[in-house]
Amino acid sequence: MAKRWISEQHLAQLPPEMTARALGGVAYKPKAVPAPKRAPSGSSPAEAGALATKVLEKAATKAMTATQSMQALGRLPVGEMNKTEQAYADHLEQLKRDGEVLFYKFESMNLRLADNTFYKPDFLVMTADRGIEVHEVKGFWTDDARVKIKVAAALYPIFKFIAIRKAKKADGGGWSVEEF
């Protein structure tokens, strides 16, 4: 799987008005990096190295939230669907049998958003009226994923971008749809 989440560095390269529009009017602000601590004078090089290692480990731990660390562990191999994507593929297959969808393909293309920043949609779908849609299936939305799909929708107006979420059983099940 190509880069799935946009990095801080690449997000900072996007125009401020684009990120503000995608984040609902809130301007993106890069995370501040704390100044490194210095070893007390008179300490040995080994003590200074140990302090530097400790500071870097602490900064790396703080930089990753609990959700991000969970996501990093849960990556699937390229081309393999998670349970939600598989359920949506089954739904698309039913729509194909009913004649509402002519074709669909999982992770079939990359869209370039900026230098070294790509968006790989979950499904490319051709509807019965020969329209091409990009479907992104999510269990939950993170800010960077929402920014990516909105930037892609702005850069590639030839596609109809649709976000799909599995509706809760308490709400009647099915799929909730959001167009960009």
Protein backbone atom coordinates (compact mmCIF):
# COMPACT_ATOMS: atom_id res chain seq x y z
CA MET A 1 0.00 0.00 0.00
CA ALA A 2 1.40 3.41 -0.89
CA LYS A 3 1.51 6.23 1.65
CA ARG A 4 -1.96 6.20 3.14
CA TRP A 5 -1.68 9.15 5.51
CA ILE A 6 -0.32 12.55 4.61
CA SER A 7 2.80 13.54 6.57
CA GLU A 8 3.25 16.77 8.51
CA GLN A 9 5.90 17.86 6.00
CA HIS A 10 3.63 17.34 2.98
CA LEU A 11 0.60 18.84 4.72
CA ALA A 12 2.67 21.96 5.44
CA GLN A 13 3.45 22.25 1.68
CA LEU A 14 -0.23 22.48 0.70
CA PRO A 15 -1.75 25.96 0.26
CA PRO A 16 -3.23 27.27 3.57
CA GLU A 17 -6.61 28.04 1.97
CA MET A 18 -6.89 24.44 0.77
CA THR A 19 -6.17 22.91 4.18
CA ALA A 20 -8.43 25.45 5.93
CA ARG A 21 -11.29 24.62 3.56
CA ALA A 22 -10.77 20.88 4.05
CA LEU A 23 -10.62 21.17 7.84
CA GLY A 24 -13.86 23.16 8.07
CA GLY A 25 -12.39 26.67 8.26
CA VAL A 26 -9.60 25.86 10.73
CA ALA A 27 -6.17 26.77 9.37
CA TYR A 28 -3.54 24.04 9.60
CA LYS A 29 -0.71 24.77 12.03
CA PRO A 30 2.44 22.62 11.94
CA LYS A 31 3.33 20.94 15.21
CA ALA A 32 6.03 22.74 17.17
CA VAL A 33 9.20 20.79 17.82
CA PRO A 34 10.66 21.42 21.31
CA ALA A 35 14.22 22.68 21.57
CA PRO A 36 16.65 19.91 22.50
CA LYS A 37 17.80 19.72 26.11
CA ARG A 38 21.49 20.16 26.80
CA ALA A 39 23.54 18.01 29.08
CA PRO A 40 24.77 19.76 32.23
CA SER A 41 28.26 21.20 31.90
CA GLY A 42 30.95 18.86 33.14
CA SER A 43 29.07 15.72 32.14
CA SER A 44 30.81 12.98 30.17
CA PRO A 45 30.09 12.39 26.47
CA ALA A 46 28.39 9.11 27.41
CA GLU A 47 25.99 10.93 29.77
CA ALA A 48 25.27 13.55 27.11
CA GLY A 49 24.56 10.80 24.54
CA ALA A 50 22.25 9.00 26.96
CA LEU A 51 20.34 12.22 27.61
CA ALA A 52 20.01 12.91 23.88
CA THR A 53 18.69 9.38 23.27
CA LYS A 54 16.18 9.73 26.11
CA VAL A 55 14.93 13.08 24.79
CA LEU A 56 14.54 11.73 21.24
CA GLU A 57 12.64 8.65 22.43
CA LYS A 58 10.33 10.82 24.52
CA ALA A 59 9.66 13.16 21.57
CA ALA A 60 8.95 10.21 19.25
CA THR A 61 6.52 8.73 21.77
CA LYS A 62 4.69 12.04 22.17
CA ALA A 63 4.55 12.61 18.40
CA MET A 64 2.47 9.46 17.87
CA THR A 65 -0.99 9.39 19.40
CA ALA A 66 -2.60 6.20 20.63
CA THR A 67 -4.80 6.04 17.52
CA GLN A 68 -1.83 6.49 15.21
CA SER A 69 0.20 3.78 16.94
CA MET A 70 -2.78 1.40 16.68
CA GLN A 71 -3.15 2.20 12.97
CA ALA A 72 0.53 1.60 12.33
CA LEU A 73 0.26 -1.90 13.80
CA GLY A 74 -2.87 -2.76 11.84
CA ARG A 75 -1.57 -2.27 8.30
CA LEU A 76 -2.55 -4.94 5.80
CA PRO A 77 -0.45 -6.09 2.85
CA VAL A 78 -0.87 -4.23 -0.45
CA GLY A 79 -4.10 -5.14 -2.24
CA GLU A 80 -5.69 -6.86 0.77
CA MET A 81 -9.04 -5.56 2.04
CA ASN A 82 -9.97 -5.00 5.66
CA LYS A 83 -13.37 -6.26 6.92
CA THR A 84 -15.21 -3.01 6.15
CA GLU A 85 -13.76 -2.82 2.62
CA GLN A 86 -14.65 -6.49 2.03
CA ALA A 87 -18.23 -5.87 3.17
CA TYR A 88 -18.45 -2.88 0.79
CA ALA A 89 -16.98 -4.98 -2.07
CA ASP A 90 -19.77 -7.50 -1.43
CA HIS A 91 -22.27 -4.61 -1.59
CA LEU A 92 -20.76 -3.42 -4.90
CA GLU A 93 -20.94 -6.97 -6.25
CA GLN A 94 -24.68 -7.04 -5.46
CA LEU A 95 -25.11 -3.65 -7.19
CA LYS A 96 -23.24 -5.08 -10.19
CA ARG A 97 -25.64 -8.04 -10.35
CA ASP A 98 -28.57 -5.61 -10.14
CA GLY A 99 -27.16 -3.57 -13.06
CA GLU A 100 -26.51 -0.36 -11.06
CA VAL A 101 -22.71 -0.77 -11.27
CA LEU A 102 -20.91 -1.89 -14.44
CA PHE A 103 -17.38 -2.19 -13.03
CA TYR A 104 -15.41 -1.72 -9.82
CA LYS A 105 -11.80 -2.31 -8.85
CA PHE A 106 -10.05 -2.19 -5.47
CA GLU A 107 -6.98 0.11 -5.09
CA SER A 108 -6.48 0.38 -8.84
CA MET A 109 -4.75 3.77 -9.11
CA ASN A 110 -2.78 6.50 -7.37
CA LEU A 111 -3.66 10.17 -7.64
CA ARG A 112 -0.78 12.63 -7.20
CA LEU A 113 -1.67 15.44 -4.77
CA ALA A 114 1.75 17.08 -4.31
CA ASP A 115 5.42 16.15 -4.49
CA ASN A 116 5.78 12.69 -2.90
CA THR A 117 2.14 12.78 -1.76
CA PHE A 118 -0.34 10.39 -3.31
CA TYR A 119 -3.90 9.32 -2.64
CA LYS A 120 -4.86 5.71 -3.37
CA PRO A 121 -8.67 5.43 -3.40
CA ASP A 122 -10.23 2.24 -2.11
CA PHE A 123 -12.56 1.65 -5.07
CA LEU A 124 -12.85 2.97 -8.61
CA VAL A 125 -16.49 2.45 -9.68
CA MET A 126 -18.23 2.82 -13.06
CA THR A 127 -21.97 3.33 -12.63
CA ALA A 128 -24.70 2.22 -15.05
CA ASP A 129 -24.81 5.70 -16.60
CA ARG A 130 -21.05 5.36 -17.35
CA GLY A 131 -20.03 7.85 -14.66
CA ILE A 132 -16.72 7.26 -12.87
CA GLU A 133 -16.73 7.49 -9.08
CA VAL A 134 -14.01 7.18 -6.48
CA HIS A 135 -15.25 5.49 -3.28
CA GLU A 136 -13.29 5.78 -0.03
CA VAL A 137 -14.43 3.33 2.67
CA LYS A 138 -13.68 4.34 6.28
CA GLY A 139 -14.55 3.02 9.69
CA PHE A 140 -13.78 6.49 11.07
CA TRP A 141 -12.29 9.67 9.61
CA THR A 142 -9.04 11.31 10.67
CA ASP A 143 -8.25 14.93 9.77
CA ASP A 144 -5.45 14.00 7.36
CA ALA A 145 -7.63 11.49 5.49
CA ARG A 146 -10.39 14.09 5.13
CA VAL A 147 -7.86 16.65 3.82
CA LYS A 148 -6.53 14.17 1.28
CA ILE A 149 -9.91 13.30 -0.22
CA LYS A 150 -10.94 16.98 -0.37
CA VAL A 151 -7.66 17.94 -2.06
CA ALA A 152 -8.08 15.05 -4.51
CA ALA A 153 -11.66 16.16 -5.27
CA ALA A 154 -10.43 19.69 -5.98
CA LEU A 155 -7.55 18.51 -8.20
CA TYR A 156 -9.49 15.81 -10.11
CA PRO A 157 -12.97 17.15 -10.93
CA ILE A 158 -13.49 14.45 -13.59
CA PHE A 159 -14.23 11.96 -10.79
CA LYS A 160 -17.10 12.01 -8.31
CA PHE A 161 -15.57 11.45 -4.85
CA ILE A 162 -17.72 9.60 -2.34
CA ALA A 163 -16.94 8.68 1.27
CA ILE A 164 -18.61 5.52 2.53
CA ARG A 165 -19.10 4.59 6.19
CA LYS A 166 -20.80 1.51 7.52
CA ALA A 167 -23.91 2.63 9.42
CA LYS A 168 -24.44 1.24 12.91
CA LYS A 169 -26.91 -1.59 13.33
CA ALA A 170 -28.81 0.54 15.84
CA ASP A 171 -29.32 3.10 13.05
CA GLY A 172 -30.68 0.48 10.67
CA GLY A 173 -27.40 -0.73 9.15
CA GLY A 174 -26.46 -0.14 5.52
CA TRP A 175 -24.02 2.49 4.32
CA SER A 176 -23.84 6.23 4.92
CA VAL A 177 -22.66 8.28 1.95
CA GLU A 178 -20.94 11.69 1.82
CA GLU A 179 -20.09 13.41 -1.48
CA PHE A 180 -17.16 15.78 -1.93
